[in-house]
Full PDB file with SEQRES, HELIX, SHEET, SSBOND, CRYST1, ORIGX, SCALE, CONECT and MASTER records, all heavy atoms in Angstrom:
SEQRES   1 A   34  LEU GLY ARG GLY PHE ARG PHE LEU PHE GLY TRP MET PRO          
SEQRES   2 A   34  LEU SER LEU GLY ASP ILE LEU TYR ALA VAL ALA VAL LEU          
SEQRES   3 A   34  TRP LEU ILE TYR LYS VAL TYR ARG                              
HELIX    1 AA1 GLY A    2  PHE A    9  1                                   8    
HELIX    2 AA2 LEU A   16  TYR A   33  1                                  18    
CRYST1    1.000    1.000    1.000  90.00  90.00  90.00 P 1           1          
ORIGX1      1.000000  0.000000  0.000000        0.00000                         
ORIGX2      0.000000  1.000000  0.000000        0.00000                         
ORIGX3      0.000000  0.000000  1.000000        0.00000                         
SCALE1      1.000000  0.000000  0.000000        0.00000                         
SCALE2      0.000000  1.000000  0.000000        0.00000                         
SCALE3      0.000000  0.000000  1.000000        0.00000                         
ATOM      1  N   LEU A   1     -24.159   3.950   9.610  1.00  0.00           N  
ATOM      2  CA  LEU A   1     -23.315   4.409   8.509  1.00  0.00           C  
ATOM      3  C   LEU A   1     -23.520   5.898   8.257  1.00  0.00           C  
ATOM      4  O   LEU A   1     -22.551   6.650   8.075  1.00  0.00           O  
ATOM      5  CB  LEU A   1     -23.639   3.613   7.244  1.00  0.00           C  
ATOM      6  CG  LEU A   1     -22.829   3.969   5.990  1.00  0.00           C  
ATOM      7  CD1 LEU A   1     -21.365   3.599   6.184  1.00  0.00           C  
ATOM      8  CD2 LEU A   1     -23.406   3.266   4.763  1.00  0.00           C  
ATOM      9  N   GLY A   2     -24.784   6.341   8.254  1.00  0.00           N  
ATOM     10  CA  GLY A   2     -25.086   7.743   8.015  1.00  0.00           C  
ATOM     11  C   GLY A   2     -24.488   8.654   9.075  1.00  0.00           C  
ATOM     12  O   GLY A   2     -23.921   9.701   8.764  1.00  0.00           O  
ATOM     13  N   ARG A   3     -24.608   8.235  10.334  1.00  0.00           N  
ATOM     14  CA  ARG A   3     -24.008   9.028  11.422  1.00  0.00           C  
ATOM     15  C   ARG A   3     -22.493   9.084  11.274  1.00  0.00           C  
ATOM     16  O   ARG A   3     -21.868  10.131  11.521  1.00  0.00           O  
ATOM     17  CB  ARG A   3     -24.384   8.430  12.784  1.00  0.00           C  
ATOM     18  CG  ARG A   3     -25.807   8.724  13.229  1.00  0.00           C  
ATOM     19  CD  ARG A   3     -26.002   8.382  14.692  1.00  0.00           C  
ATOM     20  NE  ARG A   3     -25.777   6.966  14.957  1.00  0.00           N  
ATOM     21  CZ  ARG A   3     -26.732   6.037  14.909  1.00  0.00           C  
ATOM     22  NH1 ARG A   3     -27.976   6.386  14.592  1.00  0.00           N  
ATOM     23  NH2 ARG A   3     -26.457   4.770  15.173  1.00  0.00           N  
ATOM     24  N   GLY A   4     -21.902   7.971  10.857  1.00  0.00           N  
ATOM     25  CA  GLY A   4     -20.460   7.941  10.664  1.00  0.00           C  
ATOM     26  C   GLY A   4     -20.019   8.910   9.579  1.00  0.00           C  
ATOM     27  O   GLY A   4     -19.031   9.650   9.757  1.00  0.00           O  
ATOM     28  N   PHE A   5     -20.736   8.933   8.450  1.00  0.00           N  
ATOM     29  CA  PHE A   5     -20.410   9.866   7.371  1.00  0.00           C  
ATOM     30  C   PHE A   5     -20.533  11.318   7.854  1.00  0.00           C  
ATOM     31  O   PHE A   5     -19.680  12.159   7.560  1.00  0.00           O  
ATOM     32  CB  PHE A   5     -21.334   9.644   6.173  1.00  0.00           C  
ATOM     33  CG  PHE A   5     -20.855   8.568   5.239  1.00  0.00           C  
ATOM     34  CD1 PHE A   5     -21.752   7.680   4.680  1.00  0.00           C  
ATOM     35  CD2 PHE A   5     -19.522   8.455   4.905  1.00  0.00           C  
ATOM     36  CE1 PHE A   5     -21.319   6.698   3.802  1.00  0.00           C  
ATOM     37  CE2 PHE A   5     -19.072   7.477   4.036  1.00  0.00           C  
ATOM     38  CZ  PHE A   5     -19.977   6.588   3.485  1.00  0.00           C  
ATOM     39  N   ARG A   6     -21.624  11.601   8.560  1.00  0.00           N  
ATOM     40  CA  ARG A   6     -21.833  12.985   9.011  1.00  0.00           C  
ATOM     41  C   ARG A   6     -20.779  13.397  10.033  1.00  0.00           C  
ATOM     42  O   ARG A   6     -20.377  14.560  10.089  1.00  0.00           O  
ATOM     43  CB  ARG A   6     -23.247  13.138   9.586  1.00  0.00           C  
ATOM     44  CG  ARG A   6     -24.351  12.925   8.543  1.00  0.00           C  
ATOM     45  CD  ARG A   6     -25.699  13.439   9.021  1.00  0.00           C  
ATOM     46  NE  ARG A   6     -26.186  12.784  10.206  1.00  0.00           N  
ATOM     47  CZ  ARG A   6     -26.873  11.654  10.225  1.00  0.00           C  
ATOM     48  NH1 ARG A   6     -27.135  11.021   9.087  1.00  0.00           N  
ATOM     49  NH2 ARG A   6     -27.309  11.145  11.362  1.00  0.00           N  
ATOM     50  N   PHE A   7     -20.338  12.447  10.847  1.00  0.00           N  
ATOM     51  CA  PHE A   7     -19.278  12.734  11.810  1.00  0.00           C  
ATOM     52  C   PHE A   7     -17.951  13.010  11.095  1.00  0.00           C  
ATOM     53  O   PHE A   7     -17.203  13.923  11.462  1.00  0.00           O  
ATOM     54  CB  PHE A   7     -19.124  11.569  12.782  1.00  0.00           C  
ATOM     55  CG  PHE A   7     -17.991  11.737  13.763  1.00  0.00           C  
ATOM     56  CD1 PHE A   7     -18.122  12.544  14.874  1.00  0.00           C  
ATOM     57  CD2 PHE A   7     -16.773  11.085  13.544  1.00  0.00           C  
ATOM     58  CE1 PHE A   7     -17.068  12.705  15.774  1.00  0.00           C  
ATOM     59  CE2 PHE A   7     -15.719  11.241  14.440  1.00  0.00           C  
ATOM     60  CZ  PHE A   7     -15.868  12.050  15.551  1.00  0.00           C  
ATOM     61  N   LEU A   8     -17.672  12.240  10.056  1.00  0.00           N  
ATOM     62  CA  LEU A   8     -16.404  12.373   9.338  1.00  0.00           C  
ATOM     63  C   LEU A   8     -16.327  13.642   8.504  1.00  0.00           C  
ATOM     64  O   LEU A   8     -15.287  14.311   8.446  1.00  0.00           O  
ATOM     65  CB  LEU A   8     -16.186  11.157   8.426  1.00  0.00           C  
ATOM     66  CG  LEU A   8     -15.811   9.836   9.112  1.00  0.00           C  
ATOM     67  CD1 LEU A   8     -15.778   8.712   8.090  1.00  0.00           C  
ATOM     68  CD2 LEU A   8     -14.460   9.955   9.823  1.00  0.00           C  
ATOM     69  N   PHE A   9     -17.439  13.986   7.829  1.00  0.00           N  
ATOM     70  CA  PHE A   9     -17.395  15.072   6.852  1.00  0.00           C  
ATOM     71  C   PHE A   9     -18.207  16.300   7.239  1.00  0.00           C  
ATOM     72  O   PHE A   9     -18.130  17.329   6.576  1.00  0.00           O  
ATOM     73  CB  PHE A   9     -17.878  14.561   5.489  1.00  0.00           C  
ATOM     74  CG  PHE A   9     -17.179  13.326   5.016  1.00  0.00           C  
ATOM     75  CD1 PHE A   9     -17.901  12.199   4.618  1.00  0.00           C  
ATOM     76  CD2 PHE A   9     -15.798  13.270   4.973  1.00  0.00           C  
ATOM     77  CE1 PHE A   9     -17.254  11.052   4.184  1.00  0.00           C  
ATOM     78  CE2 PHE A   9     -15.142  12.134   4.534  1.00  0.00           C  
ATOM     79  CZ  PHE A   9     -15.869  11.015   4.140  1.00  0.00           C  
ATOM     80  N   GLY A  10     -19.001  16.204   8.302  1.00  0.00           N  
ATOM     81  CA  GLY A  10     -19.872  17.321   8.664  1.00  0.00           C  
ATOM     82  C   GLY A  10     -19.128  18.578   9.067  1.00  0.00           C  
ATOM     83  O   GLY A  10     -19.635  19.686   8.908  1.00  0.00           O  
ATOM     84  N   TRP A  11     -17.928  18.426   9.586  1.00  0.00           N  
ATOM     85  CA  TRP A  11     -17.154  19.587  10.057  1.00  0.00           C  
ATOM     86  C   TRP A  11     -16.564  20.394   8.913  1.00  0.00           C  
ATOM     87  O   TRP A  11     -16.180  21.547   9.102  1.00  0.00           O  
ATOM     88  CB  TRP A  11     -16.027  19.111  10.965  1.00  0.00           C  
ATOM     89  CG  TRP A  11     -15.050  18.199  10.258  1.00  0.00           C  
ATOM     90  CD1 TRP A  11     -15.141  16.852  10.164  1.00  0.00           C  
ATOM     91  CD2 TRP A  11     -13.889  18.591   9.529  1.00  0.00           C  
ATOM     92  NE1 TRP A  11     -14.093  16.359   9.424  1.00  0.00           N  
ATOM     93  CE2 TRP A  11     -13.306  17.405   9.020  1.00  0.00           C  
ATOM     94  CE3 TRP A  11     -13.272  19.812   9.256  1.00  0.00           C  
ATOM     95  CZ2 TRP A  11     -12.145  17.401   8.252  1.00  0.00           C  
ATOM     96  CZ3 TRP A  11     -12.111  19.816   8.486  1.00  0.00           C  
ATOM     97  CH2 TRP A  11     -11.558  18.621   7.997  1.00  0.00           C  
ATOM     98  N   MET A  12     -16.475  19.814   7.727  1.00  0.00           N  
ATOM     99  CA  MET A  12     -15.842  20.496   6.602  1.00  0.00           C  
ATOM    100  C   MET A  12     -16.724  21.639   6.113  1.00  0.00           C  
ATOM    101  O   MET A  12     -17.928  21.443   5.906  1.00  0.00           O  
ATOM    102  CB  MET A  12     -15.586  19.515   5.451  1.00  0.00           C  
ATOM    103  CG  MET A  12     -14.632  18.391   5.797  1.00  0.00           C  
ATOM    104  SD  MET A  12     -14.410  17.216   4.426  1.00  0.00           S  
ATOM    105  CE  MET A  12     -13.682  18.288   3.193  1.00  0.00           C  
ATOM    106  N   PRO A  13     -16.178  22.822   5.913  1.00  0.00           N  
ATOM    107  CA  PRO A  13     -17.003  23.957   5.462  1.00  0.00           C  
ATOM    108  C   PRO A  13     -17.526  23.790   4.039  1.00  0.00           C  
ATOM    109  O   PRO A  13     -18.620  24.237   3.725  1.00  0.00           O  
ATOM    110  CB  PRO A  13     -16.045  25.157   5.563  1.00  0.00           C  
ATOM    111  CG  PRO A  13     -14.674  24.556   5.477  1.00  0.00           C  
ATOM    112  CD  PRO A  13     -14.777  23.222   6.144  1.00  0.00           C  
ATOM    113  N   LEU A  14     -16.754  23.131   3.185  1.00  0.00           N  
ATOM    114  CA  LEU A  14     -17.189  22.870   1.813  1.00  0.00           C  
ATOM    115  C   LEU A  14     -17.718  21.448   1.700  1.00  0.00           C  
ATOM    116  O   LEU A  14     -17.385  20.567   2.496  1.00  0.00           O  
ATOM    117  CB  LEU A  14     -16.035  23.061   0.833  1.00  0.00           C  
ATOM    118  CG  LEU A  14     -15.521  24.488   0.623  1.00  0.00           C  
ATOM    119  CD1 LEU A  14     -14.346  24.482  -0.345  1.00  0.00           C  
ATOM    120  CD2 LEU A  14     -16.629  25.400   0.114  1.00  0.00           C  
ATOM    121  N   SER A  15     -18.531  21.230   0.674  1.00  0.00           N  
ATOM    122  CA  SER A  15     -19.087  19.905   0.438  1.00  0.00           C  
ATOM    123  C   SER A  15     -18.051  19.015  -0.245  1.00  0.00           C  
ATOM    124  O   SER A  15     -17.649  19.264  -1.382  1.00  0.00           O  
ATOM    125  CB  SER A  15     -20.337  20.014  -0.440  1.00  0.00           C  
ATOM    126  OG  SER A  15     -20.716  18.730  -0.920  1.00  0.00           O  
ATOM    127  N   LEU A  16     -17.614  17.976   0.450  1.00  0.00           N  
ATOM    128  CA  LEU A  16     -16.682  17.025  -0.149  1.00  0.00           C  
ATOM    129  C   LEU A  16     -17.332  16.335  -1.336  1.00  0.00           C  
ATOM    130  O   LEU A  16     -16.678  16.071  -2.348  1.00  0.00           O  
ATOM    131  CB  LEU A  16     -16.254  15.994   0.901  1.00  0.00           C  
ATOM    132  CG  LEU A  16     -15.345  14.867   0.399  1.00  0.00           C  
ATOM    133  CD1 LEU A  16     -14.023  15.432  -0.100  1.00  0.00           C  
ATOM    134  CD2 LEU A  16     -15.115  13.835   1.497  1.00  0.00           C  
ATOM    135  N   GLY A  17     -18.631  16.057  -1.229  1.00  0.00           N  
ATOM    136  CA  GLY A  17     -19.341  15.411  -2.318  1.00  0.00           C  
ATOM    137  C   GLY A  17     -19.330  16.241  -3.588  1.00  0.00           C  
ATOM    138  O   GLY A  17     -19.145  15.714  -4.696  1.00  0.00           O  
ATOM    139  N   ASP A  18     -19.536  17.548  -3.448  1.00  0.00           N  
ATOM    140  CA  ASP A  18     -19.488  18.434  -4.609  1.00  0.00           C  
ATOM    141  C   ASP A  18     -18.107  18.408  -5.263  1.00  0.00           C  
ATOM    142  O   ASP A  18     -17.982  18.384  -6.489  1.00  0.00           O  
ATOM    143  CB  ASP A  18     -19.831  19.867  -4.200  1.00  0.00           C  
ATOM    144  CG  ASP A  18     -21.325  20.086  -4.070  1.00  0.00           C  
ATOM    145  OD1 ASP A  18     -22.076  19.141  -4.346  1.00  0.00           O  
ATOM    146  OD2 ASP A  18     -21.731  21.202  -3.693  1.00  0.00           O  
ATOM    147  N   ILE A  19     -17.072  18.411  -4.418  1.00  0.00           N  
ATOM    148  CA  ILE A  19     -15.701  18.376  -4.941  1.00  0.00           C  
ATOM    149  C   ILE A  19     -15.463  17.066  -5.696  1.00  0.00           C  
ATOM    150  O   ILE A  19     -14.873  17.053  -6.785  1.00  0.00           O  
ATOM    151  CB  ILE A  19     -14.682  18.535  -3.801  1.00  0.00           C  
ATOM    152  CG1 ILE A  19     -14.821  19.928  -3.172  1.00  0.00           C  
ATOM    153  CG2 ILE A  19     -13.260  18.323  -4.304  1.00  0.00           C  
ATOM    154  CD1 ILE A  19     -14.004  20.126  -1.917  1.00  0.00           C  
ATOM    155  N   LEU A  20     -15.936  15.949  -5.124  1.00  0.00           N  
ATOM    156  CA  LEU A  20     -15.772  14.655  -5.782  1.00  0.00           C  
ATOM    157  C   LEU A  20     -16.517  14.602  -7.109  1.00  0.00           C  
ATOM    158  O   LEU A  20     -15.999  14.058  -8.093  1.00  0.00           O  
ATOM    159  CB  LEU A  20     -16.261  13.535  -4.857  1.00  0.00           C  
ATOM    160  CG  LEU A  20     -15.425  13.286  -3.597  1.00  0.00           C  
ATOM    161  CD1 LEU A  20     -16.055  12.190  -2.745  1.00  0.00           C  
ATOM    162  CD2 LEU A  20     -14.001  12.902  -3.967  1.00  0.00           C  
ATOM    163  N   TYR A  21     -17.717  15.177  -7.146  1.00  0.00           N  
ATOM    164  CA  TYR A  21     -18.471  15.211  -8.407  1.00  0.00           C  
ATOM    165  C   TYR A  21     -17.716  16.021  -9.458  1.00  0.00           C  
ATOM    166  O   TYR A  21     -17.645  15.635 -10.636  1.00  0.00           O  
ATOM    167  CB  TYR A  21     -19.855  15.817  -8.174  1.00  0.00           C  
ATOM    168  CG  TYR A  21     -20.866  14.870  -7.582  1.00  0.00           C  
ATOM    169  CD1 TYR A  21     -21.941  15.348  -6.834  1.00  0.00           C  
ATOM    170  CD2 TYR A  21     -20.774  13.503  -7.767  1.00  0.00           C  
ATOM    171  CE1 TYR A  21     -22.882  14.489  -6.287  1.00  0.00           C  
ATOM    172  CE2 TYR A  21     -21.703  12.636  -7.223  1.00  0.00           C  
ATOM    173  CZ  TYR A  21     -22.756  13.131  -6.480  1.00  0.00           C  
ATOM    174  OH  TYR A  21     -23.686  12.284  -5.947  1.00  0.00           O  
ATOM    175  N   ALA A  22     -17.168  17.163  -9.048  1.00  0.00           N  
ATOM    176  CA  ALA A  22     -16.426  18.006  -9.991  1.00  0.00           C  
ATOM    177  C   ALA A  22     -15.203  17.266 -10.526  1.00  0.00           C  
ATOM    178  O   ALA A  22     -14.912  17.301 -11.734  1.00  0.00           O  
ATOM    179  CB  ALA A  22     -16.010  19.308  -9.307  1.00  0.00           C  
ATOM    180  N   VAL A  23     -14.493  16.571  -9.624  1.00  0.00           N  
ATOM    181  CA  VAL A  23     -13.322  15.800 -10.049  1.00  0.00           C  
ATOM    182  C   VAL A  23     -13.729  14.678 -10.997  1.00  0.00           C  
ATOM    183  O   VAL A  23     -13.044  14.409 -12.000  1.00  0.00           O  
ATOM    184  CB  VAL A  23     -12.588  15.223  -8.816  1.00  0.00           C  
ATOM    185  CG1 VAL A  23     -11.511  14.225  -9.239  1.00  0.00           C  
ATOM    186  CG2 VAL A  23     -11.972  16.346  -8.000  1.00  0.00           C  
ATOM    187  N   ALA A  24     -14.854  14.024 -10.712  1.00  0.00           N  
ATOM    188  CA  ALA A  24     -15.328  12.925 -11.563  1.00  0.00           C  
ATOM    189  C   ALA A  24     -15.650  13.420 -12.971  1.00  0.00           C  
ATOM    190  O   ALA A  24     -15.328  12.747 -13.966  1.00  0.00           O  
ATOM    191  CB  ALA A  24     -16.560  12.275 -10.938  1.00  0.00           C  
ATOM    192  N   VAL A  25     -16.285  14.590 -13.065  1.00  0.00           N  
ATOM    193  CA  VAL A  25     -16.609  15.148 -14.379  1.00  0.00           C  
ATOM    194  C   VAL A  25     -15.335  15.486 -15.142  1.00  0.00           C  
ATOM    195  O   VAL A  25     -15.202  15.176 -16.340  1.00  0.00           O  
ATOM    196  CB  VAL A  25     -17.501  16.401 -14.232  1.00  0.00           C  
ATOM    197  CG1 VAL A  25     -17.638  17.123 -15.568  1.00  0.00           C  
ATOM    198  CG2 VAL A  25     -18.875  16.011 -13.698  1.00  0.00           C  
ATOM    199  N   LEU A  26     -14.370  16.097 -14.471  1.00  0.00           N  
ATOM    200  CA  LEU A  26     -13.100  16.425 -15.112  1.00  0.00           C  
ATOM    201  C   LEU A  26     -12.357  15.163 -15.543  1.00  0.00           C  
ATOM    202  O   LEU A  26     -11.758  15.118 -16.635  1.00  0.00           O  
ATOM    203  CB  LEU A  26     -12.228  17.248 -14.158  1.00  0.00           C  
ATOM    204  CG  LEU A  26     -12.737  18.663 -13.836  1.00  0.00           C  
ATOM    205  CD1 LEU A  26     -11.852  19.309 -12.781  1.00  0.00           C  
ATOM    206  CD2 LEU A  26     -12.798  19.520 -15.097  1.00  0.00           C  
ATOM    207  N   TRP A  27     -12.386  14.142 -14.715  1.00  0.00           N  
ATOM    208  CA  TRP A  27     -11.747  12.865 -15.059  1.00  0.00           C  
ATOM    209  C   TRP A  27     -12.386  12.253 -16.291  1.00  0.00           C  
ATOM    210  O   TRP A  27     -11.698  11.739 -17.180  1.00  0.00           O  
ATOM    211  CB  TRP A  27     -11.850  11.920 -13.872  1.00  0.00           C  
ATOM    212  CG  TRP A  27     -11.298  10.535 -14.133  1.00  0.00           C  
ATOM    213  CD1 TRP A  27     -10.001  10.143 -14.038  1.00  0.00           C  
ATOM    214  CD2 TRP A  27     -12.046   9.381 -14.537  1.00  0.00           C  
ATOM    215  NE1 TRP A  27      -9.879   8.808 -14.358  1.00  0.00           N  
ATOM    216  CE2 TRP A  27     -11.112   8.316 -14.666  1.00  0.00           C  
ATOM    217  CE3 TRP A  27     -13.391   9.138 -14.796  1.00  0.00           C  
ATOM    218  CZ2 TRP A  27     -11.497   7.028 -15.046  1.00  0.00           C  
ATOM    219  CZ3 TRP A  27     -13.788   7.860 -15.177  1.00  0.00           C  
ATOM    220  CH2 TRP A  27     -12.843   6.828 -15.297  1.00  0.00           C  
ATOM    221  N   LEU A  28     -13.722  12.298 -16.352  1.00  0.00           N  
ATOM    222  CA  LEU A  28     -14.425  11.737 -17.501  1.00  0.00           C  
ATOM    223  C   LEU A  28     -14.078  12.493 -18.787  1.00  0.00           C  
ATOM    224  O   LEU A  28     -13.842  11.879 -19.837  1.00  0.00           O  
ATOM    225  CB  LEU A  28     -15.938  11.784 -17.254  1.00  0.00           C  
ATOM    226  CG  LEU A  28     -16.828  11.160 -18.339  1.00  0.00           C  
ATOM    227  CD1 LEU A  28     -16.503   9.680 -18.494  1.00  0.00           C  
ATOM    228  CD2 LEU A  28     -18.301  11.354 -17.990  1.00  0.00           C  
ATOM    229  N   ILE A  29     -14.028  13.808 -18.687  1.00  0.00           N  
ATOM    230  CA  ILE A  29     -13.652  14.617 -19.860  1.00  0.00           C  
ATOM    231  C   ILE A  29     -12.234  14.265 -20.317  1.00  0.00           C  
ATOM    232  O   ILE A  29     -11.967  14.113 -21.512  1.00  0.00           O  
ATOM    233  CB  ILE A  29     -13.761  16.119 -19.526  1.00  0.00           C  
ATOM    234  CG1 ILE A  29     -15.229  16.504 -19.301  1.00  0.00           C  
ATOM    235  CG2 ILE A  29     -13.164  16.964 -20.655  1.00  0.00           C  
ATOM    236  CD1 ILE A  29     -15.420  17.916 -18.799  1.00  0.00           C  
ATOM    237  N   TYR A  30     -11.337  14.111 -19.353  1.00  0.00           N  
ATOM    238  CA  TYR A  30      -9.950  13.769 -19.677  1.00  0.00           C  
ATOM    239  C   TYR A  30      -9.871  12.403 -20.358  1.00  0.00           C  
ATOM    240  O   TYR A  30      -9.128  12.226 -21.346  1.00  0.00           O  
ATOM    241  CB  TYR A  30      -9.098  13.769 -18.415  1.00  0.00           C  
ATOM    242  CG  TYR A  30      -7.744  13.125 -18.594  1.00  0.00           C  
ATOM    243  CD1 TYR A  30      -6.726  13.778 -19.302  1.00  0.00           C  
ATOM    244  CD2 TYR A  30      -7.480  11.856 -18.065  1.00  0.00           C  
ATOM    245  CE1 TYR A  30      -5.490  13.182 -19.488  1.00  0.00           C  
ATOM    246  CE2 TYR A  30      -6.244  11.252 -18.252  1.00  0.00           C  
ATOM    247  CZ  TYR A  30      -5.259  11.920 -18.954  1.00  0.00           C  
ATOM    248  OH  TYR A  30      -4.033  11.322 -19.152  1.00  0.00           O  
ATOM    249  N   LYS A  31     -10.625  11.438 -19.841  1.00  0.00           N  
ATOM    250  CA  LYS A  31     -10.594  10.096 -20.416  1.00  0.00           C  
ATOM    251  C   LYS A  31     -11.121  10.092 -21.847  1.00  0.00           C  
ATOM    252  O   LYS A  31     -10.586   9.388 -22.721  1.00  0.00           O  
ATOM    253  CB  LYS A  31     -11.406   9.142 -19.549  1.00  0.00           C  
ATOM    254  CG  LYS A  31     -10.716   8.740 -18.258  1.00  0.00           C  
ATOM    255  CD  LYS A  31      -9.481   7.910 -18.544  1.00  0.00           C  
ATOM    256  CE  LYS A  31      -8.814   7.398 -17.292  1.00  0.00           C  
ATOM    257  NZ  LYS A  31      -7.628   6.563 -17.571  1.00  0.00           N  
ATOM    258  N   VAL A  32     -12.179  10.840 -22.098  1.00  0.00           N  
ATOM    259  CA  VAL A  32     -12.720  10.923 -23.464  1.00  0.00           C  
ATOM    260  C   VAL A  32     -11.698  11.577 -24.390  1.00  0.00           C  
ATOM    261  O   VAL A  32     -11.458  11.112 -25.518  1.00  0.00           O  
ATOM    262  CB  VAL A  32     -14.046  11.714 -23.478  1.00  0.00           C  
ATOM    263  CG1 VAL A  32     -14.497  11.979 -24.913  1.00  0.00           C  
ATOM    264  CG2 VAL A  32     -15.122  10.951 -22.713  1.00  0.00           C  
ATOM    265  N   TYR A  33     -11.078  12.649 -23.903  1.00  0.00           N  
ATOM    266  CA  TYR A  33     -10.045  13.339 -24.701  1.00  0.00           C  
ATOM    267  C   TYR A  33      -8.880  12.391 -25.005  1.00  0.00           C  
ATOM    268  O   TYR A  33      -8.389  12.318 -26.140  1.00  0.00           O  
ATOM    269  CB  TYR A  33      -9.554  14.562 -23.931  1.00  0.00           C  
ATOM    270  CG  TYR A  33      -8.311  15.195 -24.508  1.00  0.00           C  
ATOM    271  CD1 TYR A  33      -8.362  15.985 -25.648  1.00  0.00           C  
ATOM    272  CD2 TYR A  33      -7.071  14.989 -23.897  1.00  0.00           C  
ATOM    273  CE1 TYR A  33      -7.212  16.561 -26.171  1.00  0.00           C  
ATOM    274  CE2 TYR A  33      -5.920  15.559 -24.399  1.00  0.00           C  
ATOM    275  CZ  TYR A  33      -5.995  16.344 -25.540  1.00  0.00           C  
ATOM    276  OH  TYR A  33      -4.861  16.901 -26.049  1.00  0.00           O  
ATOM    277  N   ARG A  34      -8.447  11.640 -23.990  1.00  0.00           N  
ATOM    278  CA  ARG A  34      -7.331  10.719 -24.161  1.00  0.00           C  
ATOM    279  C   ARG A  34      -7.678   9.603 -25.141  1.00  0.00           C  
ATOM    280  O   ARG A  34      -6.836   9.191 -25.956  1.00  0.00           O  
ATOM    281  CB  ARG A  34      -6.951  10.126 -22.804  1.00  0.00           C  
ATOM    282  CG  ARG A  34      -5.685   9.295 -22.808  1.00  0.00           C  
ATOM    283  CD  ARG A  34      -5.231   9.033 -21.391  1.00  0.00           C  
ATOM    284  NE  ARG A  34      -4.043   8.191 -21.345  1.00  0.00           N  
ATOM    285  CZ  ARG A  34      -4.066   6.855 -21.270  1.00  0.00           C  
ATOM    286  NH1 ARG A  34      -5.236   6.229 -21.195  1.00  0.00           N  
ATOM    287  NH2 ARG A  34      -2.954   6.164 -21.243  1.00  0.00           N  
TER     288      ARG A  34                                                      
MASTER        0    0    0    2    0    0    0    6  287    1    0    3          
END                                                                             
């Protein structure tokens, strides 16, 4: 599984995980506001 993840996302120059975390925080803020 780990090799598969690194194969899928390792080529990306930016961290997909960081982007997902940022989106999750924004989503949570939006949900609280709503």
